[in-house]
């Protein structure tokens, strides 16, 4: 009987250890489940952030397209302004030459009139 009691005590001790191990494992599983829930929540937030970023990128692409169109228009306007400025410079040159010619003519007329 002594041997049976020892064997029973050993078995009960082992069962106690196994019970403690099982409790520890269950506790670890609960912690892991909580961690998984946090990770799932983080992933959901990241997905929402990615969706927002995608929308922002789409808006930026549209803005860039509009800006490119505006720049193209401005380049055309600048080219037109340069062309007009060049034309005006030529006109001013011609007017300046005519003015000088007229002044010379007036001087000649005055000289011939004074003589």
C-alpha atoms as a PDB file:
ATOM      1  CA  UNK A   1       0.000   0.000   0.000  1.00  0.00           C
ATOM      2  CA  UNK A   2       2.849   2.293   0.745  1.00  0.00           C
ATOM      3  CA  UNK A   3       4.079   1.913  -2.750  1.00  0.00           C
ATOM      4  CA  UNK A   4       0.581   2.546  -4.110  1.00  0.00           C
ATOM      5  CA  UNK A   5       0.314   5.700  -1.982  1.00  0.00           C
ATOM      6  CA  UNK A   6       3.665   6.881  -3.222  1.00  0.00           C
ATOM      7  CA  UNK A   7       2.640   6.172  -6.794  1.00  0.00           C
ATOM      8  CA  UNK A   8      -0.680   7.931  -6.234  1.00  0.00           C
ATOM      9  CA  UNK A   9       1.075  10.883  -4.618  1.00  0.00           C
ATOM     10  CA  UNK A  10       3.508  11.038  -7.534  1.00  0.00           C
ATOM     11  CA  UNK A  11       0.623  10.897 -10.031  1.00  0.00           C
ATOM     12  CA  UNK A  12      -1.318  13.570  -8.121  1.00  0.00           C
ATOM     13  CA  UNK A  13       1.807  15.732  -7.965  1.00  0.00           C
ATOM     14  CA  UNK A  14       2.311  15.298 -11.659  1.00  0.00           C
ATOM     15  CA  UNK A  15      -1.358  16.114 -12.319  1.00  0.00           C
ATOM     16  CA  UNK A  16      -0.985  19.259 -10.196  1.00  0.00           C
ATOM     17  CA  UNK A  17       2.030  20.255 -12.274  1.00  0.00           C
ATOM     18  CA  UNK A  18       0.128  19.552 -15.482  1.00  0.00           C
ATOM     19  CA  UNK A  19      -2.836  21.564 -14.164  1.00  0.00           C
ATOM     20  CA  UNK A  20      -0.512  24.482 -13.399  1.00  0.00           C
ATOM     21  CA  UNK A  21       1.034  24.139 -16.866  1.00  0.00           C
ATOM     22  CA  UNK A  22      -2.432  24.079 -18.454  1.00  0.00           C
ATOM     23  CA  UNK A  23      -3.423  27.205 -16.481  1.00  0.00           C
ATOM     24  CA  UNK A  24      -0.218  28.880 -17.618  1.00  0.00           C
ATOM     25  CA  UNK A  25      -0.870  27.879 -21.233  1.00  0.00           C
ATOM     26  CA  UNK A  26      -4.476  29.153 -20.987  1.00  0.00           C
ATOM     27  CA  UNK A  27      -3.184  32.432 -19.593  1.00  0.00           C
ATOM     28  CA  UNK A  28      -0.641  32.698 -22.400  1.00  0.00           C
ATOM     29  CA  UNK A  29      -3.392  31.985 -24.949  1.00  0.00           C
ATOM     30  CA  UNK A  30      -5.558  34.761 -23.452  1.00  0.00           C
ATOM     31  CA  UNK A  31      -2.622  37.187 -23.731  1.00  0.00           C
ATOM     32  CA  UNK A  32      -1.993  36.074 -27.308  1.00  0.00           C
ATOM     33  CA  UNK A  33      -5.676  36.544 -28.171  1.00  0.00           C
ATOM     34  CA  UNK A  34      -5.563  40.045 -26.697  1.00  0.00           C
ATOM     35  CA  UNK A  35      -2.410  40.770 -28.695  1.00  0.00           C
ATOM     36  CA  UNK A  36      -4.067  39.440 -31.854  1.00  0.00           C
ATOM     37  CA  UNK A  37      -7.100  41.676 -31.220  1.00  0.00           C
ATOM     38  CA  UNK A  38      -4.762  44.685 -30.849  1.00  0.00           C
ATOM     39  CA  UNK A  39      -2.965  43.713 -34.052  1.00  0.00           C
ATOM     40  CA  UNK A  40      -6.275  43.355 -35.891  1.00  0.00           C
ATOM     41  CA  UNK A  41      -7.283  46.793 -34.664  1.00  0.00           C
ATOM     42  CA  UNK A  42      -3.921  48.235 -35.760  1.00  0.00           C
ATOM     43  CA  UNK A  43      -4.291  46.618 -39.186  1.00  0.00           C
ATOM     44  CA  UNK A  44      -7.787  48.103 -39.530  1.00  0.00           C
ATOM     45  CA  UNK A  45      -6.418  51.560 -38.667  1.00  0.00           C
ATOM     46  CA  UNK A  46      -3.558  51.105 -41.147  1.00  0.00           C
ATOM     47  CA  UNK A  47      -5.998  50.063 -43.866  1.00  0.00           C
ATOM     48  CA  UNK A  48      -8.086  53.148 -43.185  1.00  0.00           C
ATOM     49  CA  UNK A  49      -4.931  55.280 -43.336  1.00  0.00           C
ATOM     50  CA  UNK A  50      -3.918  53.644 -46.628  1.00  0.00           C
ATOM     51  CA  UNK A  51      -7.385  54.358 -48.057  1.00  0.00           C
ATOM     52  CA  UNK A  52      -7.044  58.004 -47.002  1.00  0.00           C
ATOM     53  CA  UNK A  53      -3.571  58.174 -48.534  1.00  0.00           C
ATOM     54  CA  UNK A  54      -4.858  56.663 -51.777  1.00  0.00           C
ATOM     55  CA  UNK A  55      -7.596  59.286 -51.910  1.00  0.00           C
ATOM     56  CA  UNK A  56      -5.059  62.031 -51.181  1.00  0.00           C
ATOM     57  CA  UNK A  57      -2.774  60.728 -53.934  1.00  0.00           C
ATOM     58  CA  UNK A  58      -5.683  60.713 -56.371  1.00  0.00           C
ATOM     59  CA  UNK A  59      -6.455  64.339 -55.488  1.00  0.00           C
ATOM     60  CA  UNK A  60      -2.777  65.249 -55.862  1.00  0.00           C
ATOM     61  CA  UNK A  61      -2.653  63.583 -59.275  1.00  0.00           C
ATOM     62  CA  UNK A  62      -5.638  65.645 -60.354  1.00  0.00           C
ATOM     63  CA  UNK A  63      -4.031  68.796 -58.961  1.00  0.00           C
ATOM     64  CA  UNK A  64      -0.780  68.036 -60.803  1.00  0.00           C
ATOM     65  CA  UNK A  65      -2.687  67.520 -64.052  1.00  0.00           C
ATOM     66  CA  UNK A  66      -4.435  70.875 -63.577  1.00  0.00           C
ATOM     67  CA  UNK A  67      -1.125  72.557 -62.760  1.00  0.00           C
ATOM     68  CA  UNK A  68       0.486  71.055 -65.858  1.00  0.00           C
ATOM     69  CA  UNK A  69      -2.348  72.402 -67.977  1.00  0.00           C
ATOM     70  CA  UNK A  70      -2.015  75.816 -66.327  1.00  0.00           C
ATOM     71  CA  UNK A  71       1.750  75.818 -66.936  1.00  0.00           C
ATOM     72  CA  UNK A  72       1.183  74.956 -70.604  1.00  0.00           C
ATOM     73  CA  UNK A  73      -1.254  77.868 -70.929  1.00  0.00           C
ATOM     74  CA  UNK A  74       1.167  80.187 -69.145  1.00  0.00           C
ATOM     75  CA  UNK A  75       3.998  79.128 -71.457  1.00  0.00           C
ATOM     76  CA  UNK A  76       1.818  80.014 -74.422  1.00  0.00           C
ATOM     77  CA  UNK A  77       0.910  83.346 -72.843  1.00  0.00           C
ATOM     78  CA  UNK A  78       4.562  84.114 -72.109  1.00  0.00           C
ATOM     79  CA  UNK A  79       5.555  83.261 -75.684  1.00  0.00           C
ATOM     80  CA  UNK A  80       2.814  85.568 -76.946  1.00  0.00           C
ATOM     81  CA  UNK A  81       3.941  88.354 -74.582  1.00  0.00           C
ATOM     82  CA  UNK A  82       7.542  87.948 -75.776  1.00  0.00           C
ATOM     83  CA  UNK A  83       6.416  88.130 -79.389  1.00  0.00           C
ATOM     84  CA  UNK A  84       4.337  91.235 -78.684  1.00  0.00           C
ATOM     85  CA  UNK A  85       7.231  92.818 -76.810  1.00  0.00           C
ATOM     86  CA  UNK A  86       9.574  92.139 -79.726  1.00  0.00           C
ATOM     87  CA  UNK A  87       7.027  93.676 -82.129  1.00  0.00           C
ATOM     88  CA  UNK A  88       6.678  96.734 -79.858  1.00  0.00           C
ATOM     89  CA  UNK A  89      10.446  97.106 -79.687  1.00  0.00           C
ATOM     90  CA  UNK A  90      10.600  97.111 -83.509  1.00  0.00           C
ATOM     91  CA  UNK A  91       7.826  99.703 -83.672  1.00  0.00           C
ATOM     92  CA  UNK A  92       9.617 101.886 -81.111  1.00  0.00           C
ATOM     93  CA  UNK A  93      12.815 101.582 -83.135  1.00  0.00           C
ATOM     94  CA  UNK A  94      11.027 102.659 -86.301  1.00  0.00           C
ATOM     95  CA  UNK A  95       9.296 105.526 -84.507  1.00  0.00           C
ATOM     96  CA  UNK A  96      12.603 106.620 -83.027  1.00  0.00           C
ATOM     97  CA  UNK A  97      14.243 106.618 -86.467  1.00  0.00           C
ATOM     98  CA  UNK A  98      11.296 108.558 -87.939  1.00  0.00           C
ATOM     99  CA  UNK A  99      11.459 111.029 -85.067  1.00  0.00           C
ATOM    100  CA  UNK A 100      15.165 111.584 -85.661  1.00  0.00           C
ATOM    101  CA  UNK A 101      14.482 112.000 -89.389  1.00  0.00           C
ATOM    102  CA  UNK A 102      11.678 114.503 -88.675  1.00  0.00           C
ATOM    103  CA  UNK A 103      13.874 116.462 -86.295  1.00  0.00           C
ATOM    104  CA  UNK A 104      16.567 116.606 -88.970  1.00  0.00           C
ATOM    105  CA  UNK A 105      13.993 117.727 -91.523  1.00  0.00           C
ATOM    106  CA  UNK A 106      12.709 120.411 -89.171  1.00  0.00           C
ATOM    107  CA  UNK A 107      16.287 121.631 -88.609  1.00  0.00           C
ATOM    108  CA  UNK A 108      16.867 121.717 -92.346  1.00  0.00           C
ATOM    109  CA  UNK A 109      13.630 123.645 -92.860  1.00  0.00           C
ATOM    110  CA  UNK A 110      14.562 126.117 -90.118  1.00  0.00           C
ATOM    111  CA  UNK A 111      18.028 126.584 -91.568  1.00  0.00           C
ATOM    112  CA  UNK A 112      16.672 127.157 -95.010  1.00  0.00           C
ATOM    113  CA  UNK A 113      14.010 129.461 -93.631  1.00  0.00           C
ATOM    114  CA  UNK A 114      16.542 131.448 -91.612  1.00  0.00           C
ATOM    115  CA  UNK A 115      18.818 131.869 -94.568  1.00  0.00           C
END
